[in-house]
Amino acid sequence: MPRSSSAPDALRQSETSLSKRKPAQTRKPRADSARNRQLLIDAAKAGFAEVGLAVSLEEIARRAGVGIGTLYRHFRSREAVVEAVFRREVEQMAEAVPQLLETSPAGEALHQWMHLFVDYIATKRLIAPSLGAAAGRSSTLYATSTELITRAISTLVKRAVASGDVRKDIDPSDLLRALVGVSYGNPDAGWEASARRLVDILMDGLRRKGR
């Protein structure tokens, strides 16, 4: 007659079974939370663009397809929503670099990223009044964003120079200042179209002769 399992053996088997099941039980809530957060950030960005900075948090939650309680679980205030939108814009600028370099020649990748920079500034101009309050509470907000964007443009310029697509005398910091200038220098409503034309002109000046 087979010997029955002892209590410690049974307990170990039970704990092993639970530990194996635990990841499957916790993975979905975490994935849902991350998805809801991104939905809220996307909805906030769209709401700021279409309605303005005064768009209500209830409207943002409605656009995201979640309840207002879900919004407050992720963001304690309107300023926190604004900060999250800004941080995500900066992250996307950084994340775009390897994707662009993988799918396009280095010079064209730089050109496309420069247009993405105009998109980034368009969002930043929308949320600037509230973003100032968020930055005041978090001294690292602008410092981190500047570091990520500087690193992104430096990588792109280095690759474009190495490939021979652009001139060797380009300083990434100079180019970044030029992009800020073409994006902020025009207060008119049609500034974005103007900025994109100037980006194309800038790129023409960056290219090596004969390219």
N, C-alpha and C. Protein backbone atom coordinates (compact mmCIF):
# COMPACT_ATOMS: atom_id res chain seq x y z
N MET A 1 0.86 -1.19 0.00
CA MET A 1 0.00 0.00 0.00
C MET A 1 0.89 1.24 0.00
N PRO A 2 0.72 2.17 -0.97
CA PRO A 2 1.60 3.34 -1.04
C PRO A 2 1.45 4.23 0.18
N ARG A 3 2.61 4.80 0.58
CA ARG A 3 2.61 5.67 1.76
C ARG A 3 2.01 7.01 1.40
N SER A 4 1.10 7.53 2.25
CA SER A 4 0.44 8.81 1.99
C SER A 4 1.45 9.94 2.17
N SER A 5 1.24 11.05 1.47
CA SER A 5 2.13 12.20 1.58
C SER A 5 2.06 12.80 2.96
N SER A 6 3.20 13.19 3.48
CA SER A 6 3.22 13.84 4.78
C SER A 6 2.65 15.25 4.66
N ALA A 7 2.33 15.88 5.79
CA ALA A 7 1.79 17.24 5.77
C ALA A 7 2.78 18.22 5.18
N PRO A 8 4.09 18.16 5.54
CA PRO A 8 5.04 19.10 4.93
C PRO A 8 5.13 18.91 3.42
N ASP A 9 5.11 17.63 2.96
CA ASP A 9 5.16 17.39 1.52
C ASP A 9 3.94 17.97 0.83
N ALA A 10 2.79 17.79 1.43
CA ALA A 10 1.55 18.32 0.84
C ALA A 10 1.57 19.83 0.81
N LEU A 11 2.13 20.45 1.88
CA LEU A 11 2.20 21.90 1.92
C LEU A 11 3.12 22.43 0.84
N ARG A 12 4.28 21.75 0.66
CA ARG A 12 5.21 22.18 -0.38
C ARG A 12 4.58 22.07 -1.76
N GLN A 13 3.86 20.98 -1.99
CA GLN A 13 3.18 20.80 -3.28
C GLN A 13 2.15 21.89 -3.50
N SER A 14 1.42 22.24 -2.44
CA SER A 14 0.41 23.30 -2.55
C SER A 14 1.05 24.64 -2.85
N GLU A 15 2.18 24.96 -2.16
CA GLU A 15 2.86 26.23 -2.38
C GLU A 15 3.44 26.30 -3.79
N THR A 16 3.98 25.16 -4.25
CA THR A 16 4.53 25.12 -5.62
C THR A 16 3.44 25.36 -6.64
N SER A 17 2.29 24.73 -6.41
CA SER A 17 1.17 24.91 -7.34
C SER A 17 0.71 26.35 -7.37
N LEU A 18 0.64 27.00 -6.19
CA LEU A 18 0.21 28.39 -6.11
C LEU A 18 1.22 29.31 -6.78
N SER A 19 2.52 29.04 -6.58
CA SER A 19 3.54 29.90 -7.17
C SER A 19 3.52 29.81 -8.67
N LYS A 20 3.18 28.65 -9.20
CA LYS A 20 3.10 28.49 -10.66
C LYS A 20 1.91 29.24 -11.23
N ARG A 21 0.82 29.30 -10.44
CA ARG A 21 -0.38 29.97 -10.94
C ARG A 21 -0.33 31.47 -10.75
N LYS A 22 0.48 31.95 -9.81
CA LYS A 22 0.45 33.37 -9.44
C LYS A 22 0.74 34.31 -10.60
N PRO A 23 1.79 34.06 -11.44
CA PRO A 23 2.05 34.98 -12.54
C PRO A 23 0.86 35.13 -13.48
N ALA A 24 0.17 34.03 -13.75
CA ALA A 24 -0.98 34.11 -14.64
C ALA A 24 -2.10 34.93 -14.02
N GLN A 25 -2.19 34.90 -12.67
CA GLN A 25 -3.25 35.63 -12.00
C GLN A 25 -2.95 37.13 -11.94
N THR A 26 -1.65 37.49 -11.85
CA THR A 26 -1.31 38.90 -11.67
C THR A 26 -0.97 39.60 -12.98
N ARG A 27 -0.64 38.85 -14.01
CA ARG A 27 -0.20 39.47 -15.25
C ARG A 27 -1.30 40.32 -15.88
N LYS A 28 -2.52 39.80 -15.92
CA LYS A 28 -3.59 40.51 -16.61
C LYS A 28 -3.93 41.85 -15.94
N PRO A 29 -4.09 41.92 -14.61
CA PRO A 29 -4.35 43.24 -14.01
C PRO A 29 -3.25 44.25 -14.30
N ARG A 30 -1.98 43.81 -14.27
CA ARG A 30 -0.90 44.74 -14.55
C ARG A 30 -0.96 45.21 -16.00
N ALA A 31 -1.25 44.29 -16.91
CA ALA A 31 -1.35 44.67 -18.32
C ALA A 31 -2.52 45.61 -18.52
N ASP A 32 -3.64 45.35 -17.87
CA ASP A 32 -4.81 46.22 -17.99
C ASP A 32 -4.51 47.60 -17.44
N SER A 33 -3.77 47.66 -16.32
CA SER A 33 -3.43 48.95 -15.73
C SER A 33 -2.55 49.77 -16.67
N ALA A 34 -1.56 49.12 -17.26
CA ALA A 34 -0.67 49.82 -18.19
C ALA A 34 -1.44 50.28 -19.42
N ARG A 35 -2.35 49.42 -19.89
CA ARG A 35 -3.15 49.79 -21.06
C ARG A 35 -4.05 50.98 -20.75
N ASN A 36 -4.70 50.95 -19.59
CA ASN A 36 -5.57 52.06 -19.20
C ASN A 36 -4.80 53.36 -19.05
N ARG A 37 -3.61 53.28 -18.50
CA ARG A 37 -2.79 54.48 -18.34
C ARG A 37 -2.47 55.08 -19.70
N GLN A 38 -2.08 54.23 -20.65
CA GLN A 38 -1.75 54.74 -21.98
C GLN A 38 -2.98 55.29 -22.67
N LEU A 39 -4.13 54.64 -22.50
CA LEU A 39 -5.38 55.16 -23.07
C LEU A 39 -5.70 56.55 -22.53
N LEU A 40 -5.47 56.73 -21.24
CA LEU A 40 -5.74 58.03 -20.62
C LEU A 40 -4.79 59.10 -21.14
N ILE A 41 -3.52 58.75 -21.30
CA ILE A 41 -2.55 59.71 -21.83
C ILE A 41 -2.90 60.10 -23.26
N ASP A 42 -3.26 59.11 -24.09
CA ASP A 42 -3.65 59.39 -25.47
C ASP A 42 -4.91 60.25 -25.52
N ALA A 43 -5.87 59.93 -24.65
CA ALA A 43 -7.12 60.68 -24.62
C ALA A 43 -6.88 62.11 -24.15
N ALA A 44 -5.99 62.28 -23.18
CA ALA A 44 -5.68 63.63 -22.69
C ALA A 44 -5.03 64.46 -23.78
N LYS A 45 -4.08 63.86 -24.50
CA LYS A 45 -3.42 64.58 -25.58
C LYS A 45 -4.43 65.02 -26.64
N ALA A 46 -5.33 64.10 -27.01
CA ALA A 46 -6.35 64.43 -28.01
C ALA A 46 -7.30 65.51 -27.48
N GLY A 47 -7.66 65.40 -26.21
CA GLY A 47 -8.55 66.39 -25.61
C GLY A 47 -7.93 67.77 -25.55
N PHE A 48 -6.66 67.84 -25.20
CA PHE A 48 -5.96 69.13 -25.18
C PHE A 48 -5.92 69.76 -26.56
N ALA A 49 -5.71 68.91 -27.58
CA ALA A 49 -5.62 69.42 -28.96
C ALA A 49 -6.97 69.88 -29.49
N GLU A 50 -8.04 69.16 -29.15
CA GLU A 50 -9.35 69.45 -29.72
C GLU A 50 -10.17 70.44 -28.91
N VAL A 51 -10.07 70.34 -27.59
CA VAL A 51 -10.89 71.17 -26.70
C VAL A 51 -10.07 72.30 -26.08
N GLY A 52 -8.84 71.99 -25.74
CA GLY A 52 -8.00 72.95 -25.05
C GLY A 52 -7.60 72.42 -23.69
N LEU A 53 -6.75 73.18 -23.02
CA LEU A 53 -6.23 72.75 -21.74
C LEU A 53 -7.33 72.64 -20.68
N ALA A 54 -8.46 73.29 -20.91
CA ALA A 54 -9.55 73.26 -19.93
C ALA A 54 -10.42 72.02 -20.04
N VAL A 55 -10.10 71.09 -20.96
CA VAL A 55 -10.91 69.88 -21.08
C VAL A 55 -11.00 69.20 -19.71
N SER A 56 -12.19 68.76 -19.36
CA SER A 56 -12.41 68.20 -18.03
C SER A 56 -11.78 66.82 -17.90
N LEU A 57 -11.44 66.46 -16.68
CA LEU A 57 -10.91 65.12 -16.43
C LEU A 57 -11.96 64.06 -16.73
N GLU A 58 -13.22 64.39 -16.49
CA GLU A 58 -14.30 63.45 -16.82
C GLU A 58 -14.35 63.19 -18.32
N GLU A 59 -14.12 64.23 -19.12
CA GLU A 59 -14.12 64.06 -20.57
C GLU A 59 -12.92 63.22 -21.01
N ILE A 60 -11.79 63.42 -20.37
CA ILE A 60 -10.61 62.60 -20.70
C ILE A 60 -10.89 61.14 -20.39
N ALA A 61 -11.49 60.88 -19.23
CA ALA A 61 -11.82 59.50 -18.87
C ALA A 61 -12.81 58.90 -19.86
N ARG A 62 -13.80 59.71 -20.26
CA ARG A 62 -14.80 59.22 -21.23
C ARG A 62 -14.15 58.87 -22.55
N ARG A 63 -13.26 59.73 -23.01
CA ARG A 63 -12.57 59.47 -24.28
C ARG A 63 -11.71 58.20 -24.19
N ALA A 64 -11.16 57.95 -23.01
CA ALA A 64 -10.32 56.77 -22.83
C ALA A 64 -11.15 55.50 -22.63
N GLY A 65 -12.45 55.66 -22.40
CA GLY A 65 -13.32 54.50 -22.19
C GLY A 65 -13.20 53.89 -20.81
N VAL A 66 -12.82 54.72 -19.83
CA VAL A 66 -12.70 54.24 -18.45
C VAL A 66 -13.47 55.18 -17.53
N GLY A 67 -13.64 54.76 -16.28
CA GLY A 67 -14.33 55.60 -15.31
C GLY A 67 -13.39 56.64 -14.71
N ILE A 68 -13.97 57.67 -14.12
CA ILE A 68 -13.17 58.73 -13.52
C ILE A 68 -12.33 58.19 -12.37
N GLY A 69 -12.83 57.15 -11.69
CA GLY A 69 -12.05 56.53 -10.61
C GLY A 69 -10.75 55.93 -11.13
N THR A 70 -10.80 55.34 -12.33
CA THR A 70 -9.59 54.79 -12.94
C THR A 70 -8.58 55.90 -13.23
N LEU A 71 -9.10 57.02 -13.72
CA LEU A 71 -8.20 58.15 -13.98
C LEU A 71 -7.49 58.58 -12.70
N TYR A 72 -8.26 58.72 -11.61
CA TYR A 72 -7.64 59.19 -10.37
C TYR A 72 -6.71 58.15 -9.75
N ARG A 73 -6.89 56.88 -10.08
CA ARG A 73 -5.95 55.87 -9.59
C ARG A 73 -4.57 56.05 -10.25
N HIS A 74 -4.56 56.59 -11.46
CA HIS A 74 -3.31 56.79 -12.18
C HIS A 74 -2.75 58.21 -11.98
N PHE A 75 -3.66 59.19 -11.89
CA PHE A 75 -3.23 60.59 -11.84
C PHE A 75 -4.01 61.32 -10.75
N ARG A 76 -3.28 61.93 -9.84
CA ARG A 76 -3.92 62.57 -8.69
C ARG A 76 -4.55 63.91 -9.03
N SER A 77 -4.11 64.52 -10.14
CA SER A 77 -4.58 65.87 -10.46
C SER A 77 -4.45 66.12 -11.96
N ARG A 78 -4.99 67.25 -12.40
CA ARG A 78 -4.85 67.66 -13.79
C ARG A 78 -3.37 67.85 -14.15
N GLU A 79 -2.62 68.45 -13.24
CA GLU A 79 -1.20 68.68 -13.49
C GLU A 79 -0.46 67.36 -13.70
N ALA A 80 -0.87 66.33 -12.96
CA ALA A 80 -0.24 65.01 -13.13
C ALA A 80 -0.54 64.44 -14.51
N VAL A 81 -1.73 64.69 -15.03
CA VAL A 81 -2.09 64.25 -16.38
C VAL A 81 -1.21 64.98 -17.39
N VAL A 82 -1.09 66.28 -17.23
CA VAL A 82 -0.27 67.09 -18.14
C VAL A 82 1.17 66.60 -18.13
N GLU A 83 1.70 66.36 -16.94
CA GLU A 83 3.08 65.89 -16.83
C GLU A 83 3.26 64.55 -17.53
N ALA A 84 2.28 63.66 -17.38
CA ALA A 84 2.37 62.34 -18.02
C ALA A 84 2.35 62.46 -19.53
N VAL A 85 1.53 63.37 -20.06
CA VAL A 85 1.49 63.59 -21.51
C VAL A 85 2.85 64.08 -21.99
N PHE A 86 3.41 65.02 -21.28
CA PHE A 86 4.72 65.57 -21.66
C PHE A 86 5.80 64.50 -21.61
N ARG A 87 5.85 63.75 -20.52
CA ARG A 87 6.86 62.70 -20.39
C ARG A 87 6.74 61.69 -21.52
N ARG A 88 5.51 61.32 -21.87
CA ARG A 88 5.33 60.33 -22.94
C ARG A 88 5.78 60.89 -24.29
N GLU A 89 5.55 62.17 -24.53
CA GLU A 89 6.01 62.80 -25.77
C GLU A 89 7.53 62.72 -25.87
N VAL A 90 8.20 63.01 -24.77
CA VAL A 90 9.66 62.96 -24.77
C VAL A 90 10.15 61.52 -24.97
N GLU A 91 9.52 60.58 -24.30
CA GLU A 91 9.90 59.18 -24.45
C GLU A 91 9.74 58.71 -25.90
N GLN A 92 8.68 59.15 -26.55
CA GLN A 92 8.46 58.77 -27.94
C GLN A 92 9.53 59.35 -28.85
N MET A 93 10.00 60.55 -28.54
CA MET A 93 11.07 61.14 -29.32
C MET A 93 12.33 60.28 -29.21
N ALA A 94 12.62 59.78 -28.01
CA ALA A 94 13.79 58.94 -27.81
C ALA A 94 13.62 57.57 -28.45
N GLU A 95 12.43 57.00 -28.28
CA GLU A 95 12.16 55.66 -28.81
C GLU A 95 12.13 55.63 -30.33
N ALA A 96 11.86 56.77 -30.95
CA ALA A 96 11.77 56.81 -32.41
C ALA A 96 13.13 56.62 -33.08
N VAL A 97 14.20 56.93 -32.38
CA VAL A 97 15.54 56.92 -32.99
C VAL A 97 15.91 55.55 -33.55
N PRO A 98 15.91 54.47 -32.75
CA PRO A 98 16.29 53.17 -33.32
C PRO A 98 15.31 52.69 -34.40
N GLN A 99 14.04 53.03 -34.25
CA GLN A 99 13.06 52.63 -35.26
C GLN A 99 13.34 53.32 -36.59
N LEU A 100 13.63 54.61 -36.55
CA LEU A 100 13.90 55.35 -37.78
C LEU A 100 15.19 54.88 -38.44
N LEU A 101 16.22 54.63 -37.63
CA LEU A 101 17.48 54.18 -38.19
C LEU A 101 17.39 52.78 -38.79
N GLU A 102 16.45 51.99 -38.28
CA GLU A 102 16.27 50.64 -38.80
C GLU A 102 15.54 50.64 -40.14
N THR A 103 14.67 51.62 -40.34
CA THR A 103 13.82 51.60 -41.53
C THR A 103 14.23 52.59 -42.61
N SER A 104 15.14 53.52 -42.31
CA SER A 104 15.51 54.56 -43.27
C SER A 104 17.01 54.82 -43.24
N PRO A 105 17.57 55.34 -44.35
CA PRO A 105 18.96 55.80 -44.32
C PRO A 105 19.14 56.85 -43.22
N ALA A 106 20.36 56.96 -42.70
CA ALA A 106 20.60 57.81 -41.54
C ALA A 106 20.18 59.25 -41.77
N GLY A 107 20.46 59.80 -42.95
CA GLY A 107 20.09 61.19 -43.23
C GLY A 107 18.58 61.37 -43.24
N GLU A 108 17.89 60.42 -43.84
CA GLU A 108 16.42 60.51 -43.88
C GLU A 108 15.84 60.30 -42.49
N ALA A 109 16.46 59.42 -41.70
CA ALA A 109 16.00 59.22 -40.32
C ALA A 109 16.10 60.52 -39.53
N LEU A 110 17.19 61.24 -39.71
CA LEU A 110 17.34 62.55 -39.05
C LEU A 110 16.26 63.52 -39.51
N HIS A 111 16.00 63.54 -40.81
CA HIS A 111 14.98 64.43 -41.36
C HIS A 111 13.60 64.13 -40.77
N GLN A 112 13.25 62.85 -40.73
CA GLN A 112 11.95 62.46 -40.18
C GLN A 112 11.86 62.83 -38.70
N TRP A 113 12.94 62.62 -37.97
CA TRP A 113 12.93 62.95 -36.54
C TRP A 113 12.75 64.45 -36.33
N MET A 114 13.32 65.26 -37.19
CA MET A 114 13.15 66.71 -37.08
C MET A 114 11.68 67.10 -37.23
N HIS A 115 10.96 66.40 -38.10
CA HIS A 115 9.52 66.65 -38.22
C HIS A 115 8.78 66.17 -36.98
N LEU A 116 9.23 65.05 -36.39
CA LEU A 116 8.63 64.60 -35.14
C LEU A 116 8.85 65.62 -34.03
N PHE A 117 9.96 66.32 -34.08
CA PHE A 117 10.24 67.36 -33.10
C PHE A 117 9.20 68.48 -33.18
N VAL A 118 8.76 68.80 -34.39
CA VAL A 118 7.70 69.81 -34.54
C VAL A 118 6.41 69.32 -33.88
N ASP A 119 6.09 68.02 -34.05
CA ASP A 119 4.91 67.45 -33.38
C ASP A 119 5.04 67.57 -31.86
N TYR A 120 6.22 67.28 -31.38
CA TYR A 120 6.49 67.36 -29.93
C TYR A 120 6.29 68.79 -29.42
N ILE A 121 6.81 69.77 -30.15
CA ILE A 121 6.65 71.16 -29.75
C ILE A 121 5.19 71.59 -29.83
N ALA A 122 4.46 71.07 -30.81
CA ALA A 122 3.03 71.40 -30.92
C ALA A 122 2.28 70.99 -29.66
N THR A 123 2.56 69.79 -29.16
CA THR A 123 1.93 69.34 -27.92
C THR A 123 2.41 70.17 -26.74
N LYS A 124 3.71 70.45 -26.70
CA LYS A 124 4.27 71.20 -25.58
C LYS A 124 3.67 72.61 -25.51
N ARG A 125 3.45 73.22 -26.67
CA ARG A 125 2.86 74.56 -26.67
C ARG A 125 1.43 74.53 -26.15
N LEU A 126 0.72 73.44 -26.42
CA LEU A 126 -0.66 73.32 -25.94
C LEU A 126 -0.73 73.26 -24.41
N ILE A 127 0.19 72.51 -23.83
CA ILE A 127 0.11 72.25 -22.40
C ILE A 127 1.04 73.13 -21.57
N ALA A 128 1.71 74.07 -22.22
CA ALA A 128 2.72 74.89 -21.54
C ALA A 128 2.24 75.54 -20.24
N PRO A 129 1.03 76.14 -20.20
CA PRO A 129 0.62 76.80 -18.94
C PRO A 129 0.59 75.85 -17.74
N SER A 130 0.04 74.65 -17.92
CA SER A 130 0.00 73.69 -16.81
C SER A 130 1.33 72.99 -16.63
N LEU A 131 2.08 72.85 -17.71
CA LEU A 131 3.37 72.17 -17.62
C LEU A 131 4.32 72.94 -16.72
N GLY A 132 4.20 74.27 -16.74
CA GLY A 132 5.05 75.08 -15.88
C GLY A 132 4.84 74.75 -14.41
N ALA A 133 3.60 74.51 -14.01
CA ALA A 133 3.31 74.15 -12.63
C ALA A 133 3.89 72.78 -12.28
N ALA A 134 3.77 71.85 -13.23
CA ALA A 134 4.32 70.51 -13.00
C ALA A 134 5.83 70.56 -12.88
N ALA A 135 6.47 71.33 -13.73
CA ALA A 135 7.93 71.45 -13.70
C ALA A 135 8.40 72.11 -12.42
N GLY A 136 7.58 73.02 -11.88
CA GLY A 136 7.94 73.68 -10.65
C GLY A 136 8.01 72.72 -9.48
N ARG A 137 7.15 71.68 -9.50
CA ARG A 137 7.16 70.68 -8.44
C ARG A 137 8.25 69.64 -8.64
N SER A 138 8.61 69.40 -9.91
CA SER A 138 9.61 68.37 -10.22
C SER A 138 10.76 69.01 -10.99
N SER A 139 11.84 69.32 -10.28
CA SER A 139 12.95 70.02 -10.91
C SER A 139 13.64 69.17 -11.97
N THR A 140 13.42 67.86 -11.93
CA THR A 140 14.08 66.97 -12.89
C THR A 140 13.29 66.82 -14.19
N LEU A 141 12.07 67.35 -14.24
CA LEU A 141 11.22 67.11 -15.41
C LEU A 141 11.87 67.64 -16.68
N TYR A 142 12.25 68.91 -16.70
CA TYR A 142 12.86 69.48 -17.89
C TYR A 142 14.27 68.95 -18.10
N ALA A 143 15.00 68.74 -17.02
CA ALA A 143 16.37 68.24 -17.14
C ALA A 143 16.39 66.87 -17.81
N THR A 144 15.49 66.00 -17.40
CA THR A 144 15.42 64.67 -17.99
C THR A 144 15.01 64.73 -19.45
N SER A 145 14.03 65.56 -19.76
CA SER A 145 13.56 65.67 -21.15
C SER A 145 14.66 66.23 -22.05
N THR A 146 15.39 67.22 -21.56
CA THR A 146 16.49 67.79 -22.34
C THR A 146 17.57 66.76 -22.60
N GLU A 147 17.88 65.97 -21.60
CA GLU A 147 18.91 64.94 -21.75
C GLU A 147 18.50 63.90 -22.79
N LEU A 148 17.26 63.44 -22.75
CA LEU A 148 16.79 62.42 -23.69
C LEU A 148 16.78 62.94 -25.12
N ILE A 149 16.30 64.17 -25.30
CA ILE A 149 16.21 64.74 -26.65
C ILE A 149 17.60 65.04 -27.19
N THR A 150 18.49 65.56 -26.34
CA THR A 150 19.86 65.82 -26.78
C THR A 150 20.56 64.54 -27.20
N ARG A 151 20.35 63.48 -26.42
CA ARG A 151 20.96 62.20 -26.75
C ARG A 151 20.40 61.66 -28.07
N ALA A 152 19.10 61.84 -28.28
CA ALA A 152 18.46 61.34 -29.50
C ALA A 152 19.02 62.04 -30.74
N ILE A 153 19.06 63.36 -30.72
CA ILE A 153 19.53 64.09 -31.89
C ILE A 153 21.03 63.87 -32.10
N SER A 154 21.79 63.70 -31.03
CA SER A 154 23.22 63.44 -31.16
C SER A 154 23.47 62.10 -31.84
N THR A 155 22.69 61.09 -31.48
CA THR A 155 22.82 59.77 -32.11
C THR A 155 22.51 59.85 -33.59
N LEU A 156 21.45 60.55 -33.93
CA LEU A 156 21.04 60.67 -35.34
C LEU A 156 22.08 61.44 -36.16
N VAL A 157 22.58 62.53 -35.62
CA VAL A 157 23.59 63.31 -36.34
C VAL A 157 24.86 62.49 -36.53
N LYS A 158 25.29 61.80 -35.49
CA LYS A 158 26.50 60.99 -35.57
C LYS A 158 26.36 59.93 -36.67
N ARG A 159 25.21 59.27 -36.72
CA ARG A 159 25.01 58.24 -37.74
C ARG A 159 24.93 58.84 -39.13
N ALA A 160 24.29 60.00 -39.26
CA ALA A 160 24.16 60.65 -40.57
C ALA A 160 25.51 61.14 -41.07
N VAL A 161 26.34 61.64 -40.17
CA VAL A 161 27.69 62.07 -40.55
C VAL A 161 28.52 60.86 -40.98
N ALA A 162 28.45 59.78 -40.19
CA ALA A 162 29.22 58.58 -40.50
C ALA A 162 28.83 57.98 -41.84
N SER A 163 27.57 58.08 -42.19
CA SER A 163 27.10 57.51 -43.46
C SER A 163 27.40 58.41 -44.65
N GLY A 164 27.82 59.65 -44.37
CA GLY A 164 28.09 60.60 -45.44
C GLY A 164 26.86 61.31 -45.96
N ASP A 165 25.75 61.17 -45.25
CA ASP A 165 24.50 61.80 -45.70
C ASP A 165 24.47 63.30 -45.40
N VAL A 166 25.18 63.71 -44.36
CA VAL A 166 25.20 65.12 -43.99
C VAL A 166 26.63 65.58 -43.78
N ARG A 167 26.81 66.88 -43.69
CA ARG A 167 28.14 67.47 -43.52
C ARG A 167 28.77 67.05 -42.20
N LYS A 168 30.10 67.11 -42.15
CA LYS A 168 30.82 66.68 -40.95
C LYS A 168 30.87 67.75 -39.88
N ASP A 169 30.58 69.00 -40.24
CA ASP A 169 30.76 70.10 -39.28
C ASP A 169 29.47 70.43 -38.51
N ILE A 170 28.54 69.50 -38.46
CA ILE A 170 27.26 69.76 -37.79
C ILE A 170 27.40 69.49 -36.29
N ASP A 171 27.00 70.44 -35.50
CA ASP A 171 26.96 70.29 -34.05
C ASP A 171 25.51 69.99 -33.65
N PRO A 172 25.24 68.83 -33.02
CA PRO A 172 23.87 68.49 -32.65
C PRO A 172 23.19 69.57 -31.79
N SER A 173 23.96 70.21 -30.91
CA SER A 173 23.38 71.26 -30.06
C SER A 173 22.94 72.46 -30.89
N ASP A 174 23.73 72.81 -31.91
CA ASP A 174 23.35 73.91 -32.80
C ASP A 174 22.06 73.56 -33.55
N LEU A 175 21.99 72.33 -34.02
CA LEU A 175 20.80 71.91 -34.77
C LEU A 175 19.57 71.90 -33.87
N LEU A 176 19.74 71.46 -32.64
CA LEU A 176 18.61 71.46 -31.70
C LEU A 176 18.12 72.87 -31.43
N ARG A 177 19.04 73.81 -31.26
CA ARG A 177 18.65 75.21 -31.05
C ARG A 177 17.92 75.75 -32.27
N ALA A 178 18.37 75.35 -33.46
CA ALA A 178 17.69 75.79 -34.69
C ALA A 178 16.26 75.24 -34.74
N LEU A 179 16.08 73.99 -34.34
CA LEU A 179 14.74 73.39 -34.33
C LEU A 179 13.82 74.09 -33.33
N VAL A 180 14.36 74.41 -32.17
CA VAL A 180 13.58 75.15 -31.18
C VAL A 180 13.20 76.51 -31.74
N GLY A 181 14.14 77.15 -32.43
CA GLY A 181 13.87 78.48 -33.00
C GLY A 181 12.77 78.46 -34.05
N VAL A 182 12.80 77.48 -34.96
CA VAL A 182 11.78 77.45 -36.01
C VAL A 182 10.42 77.04 -35.44
N SER A 183 10.43 76.37 -34.29
CA SER A 183 9.16 75.91 -33.70
C SER A 183 8.54 76.95 -32.78
N TYR A 184 9.37 77.74 -32.11
CA TYR A 184 8.86 78.73 -31.16
C TYR A 184 8.87 80.16 -31.69
N GLY A 185 9.61 80.38 -32.76
CA GLY A 185 9.80 81.75 -33.23
C GLY A 185 8.60 82.38 -33.90
N ASN A 186 7.58 81.58 -34.20
CA ASN A 186 6.40 82.09 -34.91
C ASN A 186 5.18 81.99 -34.01
N PRO A 187 4.58 83.11 -33.59
CA PRO A 187 3.43 83.05 -32.70
C PRO A 187 2.09 82.88 -33.44
N ASP A 188 2.11 82.91 -34.77
CA ASP A 188 0.87 82.84 -35.54
C ASP A 188 0.23 81.46 -35.48
N ALA A 189 -1.05 81.41 -35.82
CA ALA A 189 -1.80 80.15 -35.78
C ALA A 189 -1.22 79.13 -36.76
N GLY A 190 -0.68 79.58 -37.87
CA GLY A 190 -0.15 78.65 -38.86
C GLY A 190 1.32 78.33 -38.67
N TRP A 191 1.82 78.45 -37.46
CA TRP A 191 3.24 78.27 -37.18
C TRP A 191 3.74 76.88 -37.56
N GLU A 192 2.87 75.86 -37.40
CA GLU A 192 3.34 74.48 -37.60
C GLU A 192 3.72 74.22 -39.06
N ALA A 193 2.89 74.68 -40.00
CA ALA A 193 3.20 74.50 -41.41
C ALA A 193 4.49 75.24 -41.76
N SER A 194 4.65 76.44 -41.21
CA SER A 194 5.85 77.21 -41.44
C SER A 194 7.08 76.49 -40.89
N ALA A 195 6.94 75.92 -39.70
CA ALA A 195 8.05 75.21 -39.07
C ALA A 195 8.47 74.01 -39.91
N ARG A 196 7.51 73.32 -40.49
CA ARG A 196 7.84 72.15 -41.31
C ARG A 196 8.58 72.56 -42.59
N ARG A 197 8.19 73.68 -43.16
CA ARG A 197 8.91 74.17 -44.34
C ARG A 197 10.34 74.53 -43.97
N LEU A 198 10.51 75.15 -42.82
CA LEU A 198 11.85 75.53 -42.37
C LEU A 198 12.70 74.31 -42.03
N VAL A 199 12.06 73.26 -41.52
CA VAL A 199 12.79 72.01 -41.26
C VAL A 199 13.35 71.45 -42.56
N ASP A 200 12.55 71.48 -43.62
CA ASP A 200 13.03 70.99 -44.92
C ASP A 200 14.19 71.83 -45.43
N ILE A 201 14.10 73.14 -45.22
CA ILE A 201 15.20 74.02 -45.63
C ILE A 201 16.46 73.72 -44.82
N LEU A 202 16.28 73.51 -43.52
CA LEU A 202 17.41 73.15 -42.66
C LEU A 202 18.08 71.87 -43.16
N MET A 203 17.25 70.88 -43.49
CA MET A 203 17.80 69.61 -43.96
C MET A 203 18.56 69.77 -45.25
N ASP A 204 18.07 70.60 -46.13
CA ASP A 204 18.79 70.86 -47.38
C ASP A 204 20.18 71.43 -47.10
N GLY A 205 20.28 72.28 -46.09
CA GLY A 205 21.57 72.86 -45.73
C GLY A 205 22.50 71.87 -45.04
N LEU A 206 21.94 70.84 -44.42
CA LEU A 206 22.74 69.85 -43.72
C LEU A 206 23.37 68.83 -44.67
N ARG A 207 22.73 68.61 -45.79
CA ARG A 207 23.21 67.57 -46.70
C ARG A 207 24.56 67.91 -47.31
N ARG A 208 25.34 66.89 -47.54
CA ARG A 208 26.62 67.09 -48.22
C ARG A 208 26.37 67.47 -49.69
N LYS A 209 27.24 68.28 -50.24
CA LYS A 209 27.11 68.66 -51.65
C LYS A 209 27.22 67.41 -52.52
N GLY A 210 26.33 67.37 -53.49
CA GLY A 210 26.34 66.21 -54.39
C GLY A 210 25.45 65.10 -53.94
N ARG A 211 24.86 65.23 -52.71
CA ARG A 211 23.96 64.20 -52.21
C ARG A 211 22.52 64.57 -52.49
